[in-house]
Amino acid sequence: MRGNFVIVRVRRLLAVPERSMSQTLAVRGDHIQLDQLLKTLAWVDSGGAAHAAVEAGLVRVDGQVETRKRAKLRPGQRVEMGAEAVLLVR
């Protein structure tokens, strides 16, 4: 039941007609996994919610829908979900 709430919350983020909020995040090491990034940014409440958002096609990396839940993201890549966006930096 909690998982359904999270998906509804994510869909509400997508419905917001405001301009995209952009931020940067410094990556320690050479990469960060997509599911970990979504949790770190508090765009989702749990790993399960991160996986569900990716499976639903709600996450874009460099403008393309990302389907790999644990995709390795590196500095220079841009991740978007709804009205939120982040640029990964070193």
Foldseek 3Di string as FASTA:
>chain_A
DVLVVQVVVLVVLQVDPDAADEEEDEDDDFWFFQLVVCVVVVVTPDSVNLLVCLCVQQKDKQRHRHNDSGDTDGAQIKMDGRSYIYGYHD
